[in-house]
């Protein structure tokens, strides 16, 4: 008589659970590989290793918002079908929050908008003003190429860049900014606080060399012609450069009248240093327009970053006018909400 074979013992882990474990392991491995690749290729200031790891973790980790939204949508559907009002309200609120986060991380930072403004500066020129590209942790090659392509479609005479080119950039700055060589207009710029190690790695010298090789004219402390106007570059305020350059401008003013002098700088607070007759227009960035707009909270944040709580747009000041652009990139968090990246086309 033949013995009956032993029945196989049931698996302690069900098939769906095994699939979930395998998927999570694959995602975790991919996350670690992406994080390590970015970390080892990023220019990092000594002592800021943890900050960089945090920023890169947020940049890649926020991709999980998409499976989270799928799960919350499924829970919301179940609650609605079962007519469980309280559960539906909780799931709906969580889904709306997740959707707003997905928009701020993946949709709005890609919405490159063009805003046209007439400033009546008697320069006979039209320029594209941009700022805060922040190439590095959050702004990558794809975004920079898209920016260059859009600039090349505009009817302008020059591109003005109001600082903060970098934010934890890769080691090879010449390769990182190589797309700028495709801009078909003259490009003038100044450095910002993140380029001058305030905060950030010490990239100023290497950045100047890389940008100069790409035909970008950095004009900190210099003057160039812009149509019938003089364009005056003023260096970064946080780095202690702006004060001395403004004093030099006061002692040695340009030959043409004030209504035909335009200052390009990074921090809008430089406009408060202007004396009567020095320049009638200051162009700046730095504030990101708040980057994430939340009523009251955004204004409080801007008050901590600039003396005038400057957000974006035109500000008439006692001794000059100030125009602030909301910038292109992001810092601290890779989010924009109700403040899309903007190219300001200014008719001077």
Protein backbone atom coordinates (compact mmCIF):
# COMPACT_ATOMS: atom_id res chain seq x y z
CA UNK A 1 0.00 0.00 0.00
CA UNK A 2 1.47 3.35 -1.12
CA UNK A 3 1.90 6.07 1.43
CA UNK A 4 0.15 9.32 0.79
CA UNK A 5 2.61 12.19 0.16
CA UNK A 6 2.91 14.91 2.73
CA UNK A 7 0.99 18.01 1.94
CA UNK A 8 3.17 21.10 1.45
CA UNK A 9 3.04 23.48 4.38
CA UNK A 10 1.14 26.65 3.62
CA UNK A 11 3.31 29.71 3.06
CA UNK A 12 3.50 32.10 5.98
CA UNK A 13 3.38 35.05 3.54
CA UNK A 14 0.49 35.40 1.13
CA UNK A 15 1.12 36.11 -2.56
CA UNK A 16 -0.19 39.71 -2.42
CA UNK A 17 2.00 40.41 0.60
CA UNK A 18 5.05 38.91 -1.13
CA UNK A 19 4.39 41.11 -4.16
CA UNK A 20 4.11 44.16 -1.92
CA UNK A 21 7.40 43.33 -0.15
CA UNK A 22 9.20 42.84 -3.48
CA UNK A 23 7.80 46.12 -4.83
CA UNK A 24 8.79 48.06 -1.72
CA UNK A 25 12.27 46.54 -1.75
CA UNK A 26 12.72 47.51 -5.40
CA UNK A 27 11.51 51.07 -4.71
CA UNK A 28 13.80 51.42 -1.69
CA UNK A 29 16.78 50.16 -3.72
CA UNK A 30 16.02 52.58 -6.55
CA UNK A 31 15.63 55.45 -4.06
CA UNK A 32 19.03 54.70 -2.45
CA UNK A 33 20.76 54.45 -5.84
CA UNK A 34 19.29 57.75 -7.06
CA UNK A 35 20.14 59.45 -3.78
CA UNK A 36 23.73 58.18 -3.82
CA UNK A 37 24.22 59.15 -7.47
CA UNK A 38 23.09 62.74 -6.81
CA UNK A 39 24.93 63.05 -3.51
CA UNK A 40 28.33 62.00 -4.82
CA UNK A 41 28.00 64.33 -7.84
CA UNK A 42 26.88 67.39 -5.86
CA UNK A 43 29.16 70.23 -4.77
CA UNK A 44 28.65 70.29 -0.98
CA UNK A 45 29.94 72.71 1.64
CA UNK A 46 31.69 70.99 4.58
CA UNK A 47 29.16 70.50 7.36
CA UNK A 48 26.16 70.57 4.99
CA UNK A 49 26.15 66.88 4.13
CA UNK A 50 22.98 66.21 6.15
CA UNK A 51 21.19 69.17 4.60
CA UNK A 52 22.02 67.91 1.14
CA UNK A 53 20.85 64.39 1.95
CA UNK A 54 17.59 65.80 3.30
CA UNK A 55 16.96 67.95 0.22
CA UNK A 56 17.72 65.12 -2.20
CA UNK A 57 15.58 62.71 -0.15
CA UNK A 58 12.62 65.08 -0.42
CA UNK A 59 13.25 65.57 -4.15
CA UNK A 60 13.09 61.84 -4.90
CA UNK A 61 10.83 60.78 -2.03
CA UNK A 62 7.95 62.97 -3.17
CA UNK A 63 7.43 60.61 -6.11
CA UNK A 64 5.61 58.42 -3.57
CA UNK A 65 2.75 60.94 -3.61
CA UNK A 66 1.41 59.24 -6.77
CA UNK A 67 0.84 55.75 -5.27
CA UNK A 68 -0.43 57.49 -2.14
CA UNK A 69 -3.02 59.36 -4.21
CA UNK A 70 -4.08 56.11 -5.89
CA UNK A 71 -4.58 54.45 -2.51
CA UNK A 72 -6.46 57.46 -1.08
CA UNK A 73 -8.69 57.55 -4.16
CA UNK A 74 -9.51 53.87 -3.65
CA UNK A 75 -10.33 54.48 0.03
CA UNK A 76 -12.45 57.48 -0.88
CA UNK A 77 -14.38 55.45 -3.44
CA UNK A 78 -15.06 52.67 -0.93
CA UNK A 79 -16.25 55.14 1.69
CA UNK A 80 -18.58 56.85 -0.78
CA UNK A 81 -20.08 53.58 -1.99
CA UNK A 82 -20.62 52.47 1.60
CA UNK A 83 -22.12 55.89 2.46
CA UNK A 84 -19.75 56.34 5.35
CA UNK A 85 -19.74 60.13 5.51
CA UNK A 86 -17.05 60.60 8.17
CA UNK A 87 -14.63 58.22 6.45
CA UNK A 88 -15.34 59.86 3.08
CA UNK A 89 -14.60 63.32 4.52
CA UNK A 90 -11.28 62.15 6.01
CA UNK A 91 -10.22 60.37 2.82
CA UNK A 92 -11.36 63.30 0.67
CA UNK A 93 -9.39 65.81 2.75
CA UNK A 94 -6.29 63.62 2.62
CA UNK A 95 -6.70 63.19 -1.14
CA UNK A 96 -7.05 66.96 -1.67
CA UNK A 97 -3.89 67.58 0.40
CA UNK A 98 -1.99 64.96 -1.56
CA UNK A 99 -3.23 66.41 -4.86
CA UNK A 100 -2.05 69.90 -3.83
CA UNK A 101 1.35 68.45 -2.92
CA UNK A 102 1.57 66.65 -6.27
CA UNK A 103 0.69 69.90 -8.07
CA UNK A 104 3.30 71.87 -6.11
CA UNK A 105 6.02 69.29 -6.76
CA UNK A 106 5.38 68.06 -10.29
CA UNK A 107 3.03 70.43 -12.13
CA UNK A 108 3.54 74.06 -11.15
CA UNK A 109 7.38 74.01 -11.22
CA UNK A 110 7.06 73.00 -14.90
CA UNK A 111 4.60 75.82 -15.75
CA UNK A 112 7.07 78.28 -17.22
CA UNK A 113 5.03 81.43 -17.84
CA UNK A 114 5.91 84.66 -19.66
CA UNK A 115 4.70 87.96 -18.19
CA UNK A 116 4.98 91.19 -20.17
CA UNK A 117 5.34 94.59 -18.48
CA UNK A 118 5.95 98.07 -19.89
CA UNK A 119 8.21 100.17 -17.68
CA UNK A 120 8.76 103.25 -19.87
CA UNK A 121 12.48 103.56 -19.15
CA UNK A 122 13.46 105.38 -22.41
CA UNK A 123 16.03 102.69 -23.19
CA UNK A 124 14.50 101.57 -26.46
CA UNK A 125 15.09 97.94 -25.50
CA UNK A 126 13.07 94.87 -24.54
CA UNK A 127 14.64 92.35 -22.17
CA UNK A 128 13.82 89.03 -20.52
CA UNK A 129 14.47 89.21 -16.77
CA UNK A 130 14.96 85.90 -14.97
CA UNK A 131 16.43 84.97 -11.62
CA UNK A 132 17.05 82.13 -9.19
CA UNK A 133 17.66 79.33 -11.67
CA UNK A 134 19.15 77.35 -8.75
CA UNK A 135 20.66 74.66 -10.95
CA UNK A 136 21.61 71.65 -8.86
CA UNK A 137 19.52 69.75 -6.34
CA UNK A 138 16.10 70.57 -7.77
CA UNK A 139 16.59 72.29 -11.15
CA UNK A 140 18.10 69.84 -13.62
CA UNK A 141 19.21 69.81 -17.26
CA UNK A 142 15.67 69.28 -18.57
CA UNK A 143 14.38 72.45 -16.89
CA UNK A 144 17.37 74.49 -18.07
CA UNK A 145 16.92 73.33 -21.67
CA UNK A 146 13.23 74.20 -21.53
CA UNK A 147 14.10 77.68 -20.23
CA UNK A 148 16.60 78.27 -23.04
CA UNK A 149 14.13 77.07 -25.68
CA UNK A 150 11.47 79.45 -24.36
CA UNK A 151 13.86 82.41 -24.21
CA UNK A 152 14.82 81.86 -27.83
CA UNK A 153 11.19 82.29 -28.91
CA UNK A 154 10.82 85.75 -27.35
CA UNK A 155 11.12 89.09 -29.23
CA UNK A 156 13.81 90.56 -26.97
CA UNK A 157 17.17 92.30 -27.19
CA UNK A 158 18.90 90.71 -24.20
CA UNK A 159 18.51 88.30 -21.27
CA UNK A 160 19.18 89.61 -17.76
CA UNK A 161 19.84 87.10 -14.95
CA UNK A 162 19.49 88.48 -11.41
CA UNK A 163 21.65 85.95 -9.59
CA UNK A 164 21.37 82.65 -7.73
CA UNK A 165 22.44 80.49 -10.64
CA UNK A 166 23.15 77.53 -8.34
CA UNK A 167 21.81 75.47 -5.44
CA UNK A 168 24.10 72.59 -4.62
CA UNK A 169 25.26 72.27 -8.24
CA UNK A 170 27.15 69.33 -9.78
CA UNK A 171 30.95 69.44 -9.81
CA UNK A 172 31.23 70.15 -13.54
CA UNK A 173 29.70 73.62 -13.80
CA UNK A 174 30.67 74.08 -17.46
CA UNK A 175 28.73 70.95 -18.43
CA UNK A 176 25.82 71.85 -16.14
CA UNK A 177 25.26 75.26 -17.72
CA UNK A 178 26.19 74.25 -21.26
CA UNK A 179 22.60 74.83 -22.55
CA UNK A 180 23.08 78.57 -21.96
CA UNK A 181 25.40 78.66 -24.98
CA UNK A 182 22.32 78.13 -27.17
CA UNK A 183 20.71 81.44 -26.15
CA UNK A 184 20.70 83.59 -29.27
CA UNK A 185 20.63 86.91 -27.40
CA UNK A 186 23.28 88.65 -25.28
CA UNK A 187 23.13 87.44 -21.67
CA UNK A 188 24.08 89.72 -18.77
CA UNK A 189 24.03 88.62 -15.16
CA UNK A 190 25.17 89.03 -11.58
CA UNK A 191 25.80 86.50 -8.83
CA UNK A 192 23.44 85.89 -5.90
CA UNK A 193 23.84 84.82 -2.30
CA UNK A 194 23.79 81.07 -3.10
CA UNK A 195 26.57 81.62 -5.63
CA UNK A 196 28.60 83.54 -3.05
CA UNK A 197 28.49 80.88 -0.29
CA UNK A 198 25.69 82.69 1.63
CA UNK A 199 24.71 79.82 2.06
CA UNK A 200 26.17 77.42 -0.45
CA UNK A 201 29.45 75.87 -1.55
CA UNK A 202 32.33 78.14 -2.65
CA UNK A 203 31.57 78.07 -6.37
CA UNK A 204 31.87 81.78 -7.27
CA UNK A 205 35.23 81.61 -9.06
CA UNK A 206 34.45 78.38 -10.92
CA UNK A 207 30.98 79.67 -11.80
CA UNK A 208 32.37 82.90 -13.23
CA UNK A 209 34.82 80.93 -15.34
CA UNK A 210 32.16 78.53 -16.60
CA UNK A 211 29.62 81.24 -17.44
CA UNK A 212 32.21 83.42 -19.16
CA UNK A 213 33.17 80.47 -21.37
CA UNK A 214 29.49 80.18 -22.35
CA UNK A 215 29.36 83.85 -23.47
CA UNK A 216 27.50 85.03 -20.36
CA UNK A 217 28.70 88.49 -19.34
CA UNK A 218 28.80 88.86 -15.55
CA UNK A 219 28.61 92.57 -14.75
CA UNK A 220 28.93 92.76 -10.94
CA UNK A 221 30.54 96.16 -10.39
CA UNK A 222 30.51 96.91 -14.14
CA UNK A 223 28.49 98.91 -16.65
CA UNK A 224 27.34 98.01 -20.14
CA UNK A 225 25.10 99.65 -22.69
CA UNK A 226 21.50 98.46 -22.94
CA UNK A 227 19.89 100.30 -25.82
CA UNK A 228 20.11 103.98 -24.88
CA UNK A 229 20.58 103.13 -21.17
CA UNK A 230 23.45 102.13 -18.92
CA UNK A 231 23.00 98.73 -17.26
CA UNK A 232 24.82 98.68 -13.92
CA UNK A 233 25.59 95.41 -12.13
CA UNK A 234 25.60 95.35 -8.33
CA UNK A 235 26.91 92.27 -6.49
CA UNK A 236 25.23 90.37 -3.68
CA UNK A 237 24.07 92.15 -0.55
CA UNK A 238 24.51 89.21 1.85
CA UNK A 239 28.09 88.69 0.68
CA UNK A 240 28.91 92.31 1.57
CA UNK A 241 29.60 93.28 -2.05
CA UNK A 242 26.62 95.52 -2.77
CA UNK A 243 27.37 98.27 -0.23
CA UNK A 244 30.80 99.14 -1.60
CA UNK A 245 29.62 99.00 -5.22
CA UNK A 246 26.67 101.28 -4.49
CA UNK A 247 29.02 103.75 -2.76
CA UNK A 248 31.31 103.66 -5.79
CA UNK A 249 28.31 104.33 -8.02
CA UNK A 250 27.45 107.35 -5.88
CA UNK A 251 30.98 108.73 -6.14
CA UNK A 252 31.32 107.98 -9.85
CA UNK A 253 27.86 108.16 -11.44
CA UNK A 254 27.33 107.22 -15.11
CA UNK A 255 27.47 110.01 -17.67
CA UNK A 256 23.87 109.71 -18.83
CA UNK A 257 20.91 110.97 -16.75
CA UNK A 258 19.27 108.91 -13.98
CA UNK A 259 16.21 108.07 -16.07
CA UNK A 260 18.51 106.08 -18.35
CA UNK A 261 20.30 104.06 -15.67
CA UNK A 262 19.13 100.55 -14.80
CA UNK A 263 20.60 98.50 -11.94
CA UNK A 264 20.68 94.70 -12.09
CA UNK A 265 21.20 92.98 -8.74
CA UNK A 266 20.03 89.94 -6.80
CA UNK A 267 18.57 91.15 -3.52
CA UNK A 268 15.76 93.73 -3.85
CA UNK A 269 16.94 95.43 -0.65
CA UNK A 270 19.73 96.96 -2.73
CA UNK A 271 17.08 99.37 -4.01
CA UNK A 272 16.86 100.88 -0.52
CA UNK A 273 20.55 101.84 -0.80
CA UNK A 274 19.94 103.98 -3.89
CA UNK A 275 20.35 107.72 -3.44
CA UNK A 276 18.44 110.31 -5.49
CA UNK A 277 19.71 110.51 -9.05
CA UNK A 278 21.69 107.25 -8.99
CA UNK A 279 19.29 105.09 -11.04
CA UNK A 280 15.61 105.17 -11.79
CA UNK A 281 15.07 101.40 -11.98
CA UNK A 282 16.41 98.40 -10.03
CA UNK A 283 15.83 94.84 -11.29
CA UNK A 284 16.09 92.01 -8.73
CA UNK A 285 14.99 88.51 -7.77
CA UNK A 286 15.80 86.55 -4.58
CA UNK A 287 12.29 86.27 -3.10
CA UNK A 288 10.90 83.60 -5.49
CA UNK A 289 7.61 85.48 -5.16
CA UNK A 290 7.21 83.53 -1.93
CA UNK A 291 7.58 80.22 -3.86
CA UNK A 292 4.67 78.65 -1.97
CA UNK A 293 1.85 81.14 -1.54
CA UNK A 294 -0.10 80.83 1.70
CA UNK A 295 -1.94 84.00 2.80
CA UNK A 296 -0.34 85.75 5.80
CA UNK A 297 2.29 83.02 6.22
CA UNK A 298 4.00 83.93 2.95
CA UNK A 299 4.08 87.62 3.87
CA UNK A 300 5.63 86.79 7.25
CA UNK A 301 8.31 84.76 5.51
CA UNK A 302 9.04 87.54 3.03
CA UNK A 303 9.40 90.04 5.87
CA UNK A 304 12.18 87.86 7.27
CA UNK A 305 13.97 87.76 3.91
CA UNK A 306 13.68 91.37 2.71
CA UNK A 307 13.21 94.70 4.45
CA UNK A 308 10.24 95.61 2.30
CA UNK A 309 8.65 92.12 2.23
CA UNK A 310 8.99 92.29 -1.55
CA UNK A 311 7.05 89.59 -3.34
CA UNK A 312 7.03 90.28 -7.10
CA UNK A 313 6.21 93.03 -9.56
CA UNK A 314 6.82 96.79 -9.57
CA UNK A 315 7.41 98.81 -6.37
CA UNK A 316 7.67 102.64 -6.50
CA UNK A 317 10.25 103.68 -3.86
CA UNK A 318 11.21 107.20 -2.75
CA UNK A 319 14.45 107.36 -4.78
CA UNK A 320 13.96 104.73 -7.48
CA UNK A 321 11.63 102.05 -8.80
CA UNK A 322 12.08 98.36 -8.04
CA UNK A 323 10.98 95.42 -10.16
CA UNK A 324 11.16 91.93 -8.59
CA UNK A 325 10.86 88.76 -10.64
CA UNK A 326 9.60 85.55 -8.93
CA UNK A 327 12.37 83.44 -10.40
CA UNK A 328 12.67 80.11 -12.17
CA UNK A 329 13.82 77.47 -9.68
CA UNK A 330 13.29 76.49 -6.06
CA UNK A 331 15.32 76.12 -2.89
CA UNK A 332 14.80 74.49 0.54
CA UNK A 333 11.91 72.42 -0.90
CA UNK A 334 11.28 71.52 -4.57
CA UNK A 335 7.80 73.06 -4.45
CA UNK A 336 5.96 75.97 -6.05
CA UNK A 337 2.34 76.74 -5.32
CA UNK A 338 0.42 79.62 -6.92
CA UNK A 339 3.79 81.15 -7.90
CA UNK A 340 4.84 79.57 -11.21
CA UNK A 341 8.36 80.04 -12.61
CA UNK A 342 8.30 83.24 -14.61
CA UNK A 343 10.16 84.96 -17.41
CA UNK A 344 9.49 88.69 -17.11
CA UNK A 345 9.60 90.41 -20.50
CA UNK A 346 10.16 94.08 -19.76
CA UNK A 347 9.76 96.89 -22.28
CA UNK A 348 12.26 99.54 -21.25
